[in-house]
Amino acid sequence: MEVWVLAKHGEGAREIARELGVSRNTVRRYLREPAASRYSARPPRASKLELHKRYIVERLTAAAADVIPASDYSPNAGRGARLAGASRTDWQVSR
């Protein structure tokens, strides 16, 4: 619709394309074919993992721990001690 309005005001295909952010060929197509439909987004496709989603969820659920100790998910807790081969009790964070 905007293409036709701008064209009636005397703007050329290049100026219309620049203003609307589309290619000149798109502008020409809209001016040539009054019944040209607007672009519509494609329907979403299933992902490649969709076929395996149920299996992945089951595996993650089965592997999930009921309780995660604070030292296991704290980014700084005992990292150096673990790398140096210290025992777990040496590097646990106490509160």
N, C-alpha and C. Protein backbone atom coordinates (compact mmCIF):
# COMPACT_ATOMS: atom_id res chain seq x y z
N MET A 1 0.83 -1.19 0.00
CA MET A 1 0.00 0.00 0.00
C MET A 1 0.87 1.25 0.00
N GLU A 2 1.92 1.25 0.83
CA GLU A 2 2.78 2.42 0.91
C GLU A 2 3.49 2.66 -0.42
N VAL A 3 3.81 1.59 -1.13
CA VAL A 3 4.52 1.72 -2.40
C VAL A 3 3.68 2.55 -3.36
N TRP A 4 2.41 2.26 -3.45
CA TRP A 4 1.55 2.98 -4.39
C TRP A 4 1.38 4.44 -3.99
N VAL A 5 1.28 4.69 -2.69
CA VAL A 5 1.12 6.06 -2.22
C VAL A 5 2.36 6.88 -2.57
N LEU A 6 3.54 6.30 -2.31
CA LEU A 6 4.78 7.02 -2.62
C LEU A 6 4.94 7.20 -4.13
N ALA A 7 4.53 6.21 -4.91
CA ALA A 7 4.63 6.32 -6.37
C ALA A 7 3.70 7.42 -6.89
N LYS A 8 2.52 7.54 -6.30
CA LYS A 8 1.58 8.59 -6.72
C LYS A 8 2.11 9.98 -6.39
N HIS A 9 2.96 10.07 -5.36
CA HIS A 9 3.56 11.35 -5.01
C HIS A 9 4.78 11.66 -5.88
N GLY A 10 5.07 10.79 -6.85
CA GLY A 10 6.11 11.06 -7.82
C GLY A 10 7.49 10.49 -7.50
N GLU A 11 7.60 9.68 -6.46
CA GLU A 11 8.90 9.10 -6.13
C GLU A 11 9.19 7.91 -7.03
N GLY A 12 10.45 7.73 -7.38
CA GLY A 12 10.84 6.60 -8.22
C GLY A 12 11.06 5.34 -7.41
N ALA A 13 11.27 4.25 -8.12
CA ALA A 13 11.44 2.95 -7.47
C ALA A 13 12.64 2.95 -6.53
N ARG A 14 13.71 3.59 -6.93
CA ARG A 14 14.92 3.63 -6.10
C ARG A 14 14.66 4.35 -4.77
N GLU A 15 14.00 5.51 -4.83
CA GLU A 15 13.71 6.27 -3.61
C GLU A 15 12.74 5.53 -2.71
N ILE A 16 11.74 4.90 -3.32
CA ILE A 16 10.76 4.13 -2.54
C ILE A 16 11.46 2.95 -1.85
N ALA A 17 12.31 2.26 -2.59
CA ALA A 17 13.02 1.11 -2.03
C ALA A 17 13.89 1.54 -0.86
N ARG A 18 14.60 2.66 -1.03
CA ARG A 18 15.47 3.16 0.04
C ARG A 18 14.67 3.52 1.28
N GLU A 19 13.54 4.18 1.07
CA GLU A 19 12.72 4.64 2.20
C GLU A 19 12.07 3.48 2.95
N LEU A 20 11.63 2.47 2.21
CA LEU A 20 10.95 1.34 2.85
C LEU A 20 11.90 0.22 3.27
N GLY A 21 13.12 0.24 2.79
CA GLY A 21 14.08 -0.80 3.16
C GLY A 21 13.86 -2.12 2.45
N VAL A 22 13.38 -2.03 1.20
CA VAL A 22 13.19 -3.24 0.39
C VAL A 22 13.97 -3.07 -0.91
N SER A 23 14.06 -4.14 -1.68
CA SER A 23 14.80 -4.04 -2.93
C SER A 23 13.96 -3.32 -4.00
N ARG A 24 14.67 -2.80 -5.01
CA ARG A 24 13.97 -2.13 -6.11
C ARG A 24 13.07 -3.10 -6.86
N ASN A 25 13.52 -4.35 -6.96
CA ASN A 25 12.69 -5.34 -7.66
C ASN A 25 11.37 -5.57 -6.93
N THR A 26 11.40 -5.52 -5.62
CA THR A 26 10.16 -5.67 -4.85
C THR A 26 9.23 -4.51 -5.12
N VAL A 27 9.79 -3.32 -5.14
CA VAL A 27 8.97 -2.12 -5.44
C VAL A 27 8.37 -2.24 -6.83
N ARG A 28 9.18 -2.63 -7.80
CA ARG A 28 8.67 -2.79 -9.17
C ARG A 28 7.56 -3.82 -9.25
N ARG A 29 7.72 -4.91 -8.50
CA ARG A 29 6.70 -5.96 -8.52
C ARG A 29 5.38 -5.44 -7.96
N TYR A 30 5.45 -4.68 -6.86
CA TYR A 30 4.23 -4.11 -6.27
C TYR A 30 3.57 -3.13 -7.23
N LEU A 31 4.36 -2.34 -7.95
CA LEU A 31 3.79 -1.38 -8.87
C LEU A 31 3.22 -2.06 -10.11
N ARG A 32 3.85 -3.15 -10.54
CA ARG A 32 3.42 -3.86 -11.74
C ARG A 32 2.18 -4.72 -11.47
N GLU A 33 2.12 -5.36 -10.30
CA GLU A 33 1.02 -6.27 -9.97
C GLU A 33 0.23 -5.72 -8.79
N PRO A 34 -0.89 -5.09 -9.04
CA PRO A 34 -1.68 -4.52 -7.94
C PRO A 34 -2.14 -5.58 -6.93
N ALA A 35 -2.26 -6.82 -7.37
CA ALA A 35 -2.73 -7.87 -6.48
C ALA A 35 -1.58 -8.59 -5.76
N ALA A 36 -0.36 -8.06 -5.84
CA ALA A 36 0.79 -8.71 -5.19
C ALA A 36 0.55 -8.73 -3.68
N SER A 37 0.69 -9.91 -3.12
CA SER A 37 0.43 -10.03 -1.68
C SER A 37 1.69 -9.68 -0.89
N ARG A 38 1.48 -9.28 0.32
CA ARG A 38 2.60 -8.96 1.19
C ARG A 38 3.29 -10.25 1.60
N TYR A 39 4.55 -10.13 1.93
CA TYR A 39 5.31 -11.29 2.39
C TYR A 39 4.77 -11.74 3.73
N SER A 40 4.56 -13.01 3.86
CA SER A 40 4.14 -13.56 5.15
C SER A 40 5.20 -14.54 5.62
N ALA A 41 5.41 -14.56 6.89
CA ALA A 41 6.44 -15.42 7.45
C ALA A 41 6.10 -16.89 7.21
N ARG A 42 7.14 -17.66 7.03
CA ARG A 42 6.93 -19.09 6.84
C ARG A 42 6.48 -19.73 8.14
N PRO A 43 5.73 -20.81 8.06
CA PRO A 43 5.35 -21.49 9.29
C PRO A 43 6.60 -22.10 9.94
N PRO A 44 6.64 -22.11 11.27
CA PRO A 44 7.83 -22.65 11.94
C PRO A 44 8.03 -24.13 11.63
N ARG A 45 9.30 -24.49 11.41
CA ARG A 45 9.63 -25.89 11.15
C ARG A 45 9.98 -26.57 12.46
N ALA A 46 9.83 -27.86 12.46
CA ALA A 46 10.25 -28.64 13.62
C ALA A 46 11.77 -28.68 13.64
N SER A 47 12.34 -28.62 14.82
CA SER A 47 13.79 -28.67 14.91
C SER A 47 14.28 -30.10 14.67
N LYS A 48 15.57 -30.23 14.43
CA LYS A 48 16.14 -31.55 14.20
C LYS A 48 16.06 -32.42 15.45
N LEU A 49 16.04 -31.77 16.60
CA LEU A 49 15.98 -32.53 17.85
C LEU A 49 14.56 -32.89 18.26
N GLU A 50 13.57 -32.38 17.55
CA GLU A 50 12.18 -32.62 17.92
C GLU A 50 11.86 -34.12 17.98
N LEU A 51 12.43 -34.89 17.07
CA LEU A 51 12.18 -36.33 17.06
C LEU A 51 12.72 -37.01 18.32
N HIS A 52 13.73 -36.43 18.92
CA HIS A 52 14.40 -37.04 20.06
C HIS A 52 14.09 -36.34 21.38
N LYS A 53 13.17 -35.40 21.36
CA LYS A 53 12.91 -34.57 22.53
C LYS A 53 12.44 -35.40 23.73
N ARG A 54 11.53 -36.31 23.52
CA ARG A 54 11.02 -37.12 24.63
C ARG A 54 12.14 -37.93 25.28
N TYR A 55 13.00 -38.52 24.46
CA TYR A 55 14.12 -39.31 24.97
C TYR A 55 15.08 -38.44 25.77
N ILE A 56 15.39 -37.26 25.25
CA ILE A 56 16.32 -36.36 25.93
C ILE A 56 15.75 -35.92 27.28
N VAL A 57 14.48 -35.57 27.31
CA VAL A 57 13.85 -35.16 28.56
C VAL A 57 13.86 -36.30 29.57
N GLU A 58 13.57 -37.51 29.12
CA GLU A 58 13.60 -38.67 30.03
C GLU A 58 15.00 -38.88 30.60
N ARG A 59 16.02 -38.77 29.75
CA ARG A 59 17.40 -38.97 30.21
C ARG A 59 17.81 -37.88 31.21
N LEU A 60 17.45 -36.64 30.92
CA LEU A 60 17.79 -35.55 31.83
C LEU A 60 17.06 -35.69 33.16
N THR A 61 15.81 -36.12 33.12
CA THR A 61 15.05 -36.31 34.34
C THR A 61 15.66 -37.44 35.17
N ALA A 62 16.05 -38.51 34.51
CA ALA A 62 16.64 -39.65 35.23
C ALA A 62 18.00 -39.29 35.83
N ALA A 63 18.74 -38.42 35.18
CA ALA A 63 20.08 -38.06 35.64
C ALA A 63 20.07 -36.92 36.65
N ALA A 64 18.94 -36.25 36.83
CA ALA A 64 18.89 -35.09 37.72
C ALA A 64 19.08 -35.52 39.16
N ALA A 65 19.91 -34.78 39.86
CA ALA A 65 20.13 -35.04 41.28
C ALA A 65 19.03 -34.38 42.09
N ASP A 66 18.65 -35.01 43.22
CA ASP A 66 17.64 -34.42 44.07
C ASP A 66 18.18 -33.18 44.79
N VAL A 67 19.45 -33.26 45.21
CA VAL A 67 20.08 -32.16 45.92
C VAL A 67 21.45 -31.92 45.31
N ILE A 68 21.75 -30.66 45.01
CA ILE A 68 23.06 -30.31 44.48
C ILE A 68 23.80 -29.57 45.58
N PRO A 69 24.93 -30.10 46.05
CA PRO A 69 25.68 -29.39 47.10
C PRO A 69 26.13 -28.02 46.60
N ALA A 70 26.23 -27.08 47.53
CA ALA A 70 26.59 -25.71 47.18
C ALA A 70 27.94 -25.66 46.48
N SER A 71 28.87 -26.49 46.86
CA SER A 71 30.19 -26.44 46.26
C SER A 71 30.20 -26.94 44.82
N ASP A 72 29.19 -27.71 44.42
CA ASP A 72 29.16 -28.23 43.07
C ASP A 72 28.70 -27.21 42.05
N TYR A 73 27.86 -26.27 42.45
CA TYR A 73 27.40 -25.30 41.45
C TYR A 73 27.93 -23.90 41.71
N SER A 74 28.71 -23.69 42.74
CA SER A 74 29.33 -22.40 42.97
C SER A 74 30.55 -22.28 42.07
N PRO A 75 30.65 -21.23 41.26
CA PRO A 75 31.74 -21.15 40.27
C PRO A 75 33.12 -21.03 40.89
N ASN A 76 33.24 -20.50 42.10
CA ASN A 76 34.55 -20.27 42.68
C ASN A 76 34.89 -21.21 43.83
N ALA A 77 33.96 -22.01 44.25
CA ALA A 77 34.16 -22.81 45.46
C ALA A 77 35.14 -23.94 45.21
N GLY A 78 36.33 -23.79 45.72
CA GLY A 78 37.29 -24.87 45.73
C GLY A 78 37.86 -25.27 44.40
N ARG A 79 37.75 -24.44 43.40
CA ARG A 79 38.23 -24.82 42.07
C ARG A 79 39.72 -25.13 42.09
N GLY A 80 40.50 -24.28 42.70
CA GLY A 80 41.94 -24.52 42.75
C GLY A 80 42.29 -25.77 43.53
N ALA A 81 41.59 -25.99 44.63
CA ALA A 81 41.85 -27.17 45.45
C ALA A 81 41.51 -28.45 44.70
N ARG A 82 40.41 -28.42 43.95
CA ARG A 82 40.02 -29.61 43.18
C ARG A 82 41.05 -29.93 42.12
N LEU A 83 41.57 -28.88 41.48
CA LEU A 83 42.56 -29.11 40.45
C LEU A 83 43.87 -29.62 41.03
N ALA A 84 44.16 -29.24 42.28
CA ALA A 84 45.41 -29.65 42.91
C ALA A 84 45.32 -31.05 43.50
N GLY A 85 44.14 -31.68 43.46
CA GLY A 85 43.99 -33.04 43.95
C GLY A 85 43.63 -33.13 45.42
N ALA A 86 43.14 -32.05 46.02
CA ALA A 86 42.74 -32.08 47.42
C ALA A 86 41.46 -32.89 47.57
N SER A 87 41.24 -33.41 48.77
CA SER A 87 40.03 -34.19 49.00
C SER A 87 38.83 -33.25 49.08
N ARG A 88 37.64 -33.79 48.95
CA ARG A 88 36.42 -32.99 48.92
C ARG A 88 36.26 -32.19 50.22
N THR A 89 36.59 -32.75 51.35
CA THR A 89 36.42 -32.04 52.61
C THR A 89 37.38 -30.86 52.71
N ASP A 90 38.47 -30.87 51.99
CA ASP A 90 39.43 -29.78 52.05
C ASP A 90 38.92 -28.52 51.36
N TRP A 91 38.07 -28.65 50.38
CA TRP A 91 37.66 -27.48 49.63
C TRP A 91 36.20 -27.13 49.72
N GLN A 92 35.41 -27.84 50.55
CA GLN A 92 33.99 -27.51 50.69
C GLN A 92 33.82 -26.16 51.39
N VAL A 93 32.82 -25.43 50.96
CA VAL A 93 32.53 -24.13 51.54
C VAL A 93 31.64 -24.33 52.75
N SER A 94 32.02 -23.79 53.88
CA SER A 94 31.17 -23.90 55.07
C SER A 94 30.54 -22.54 55.34
N ARG A 95 29.31 -22.57 55.80
CA ARG A 95 28.58 -21.32 56.04
C ARG A 95 28.19 -21.21 57.48
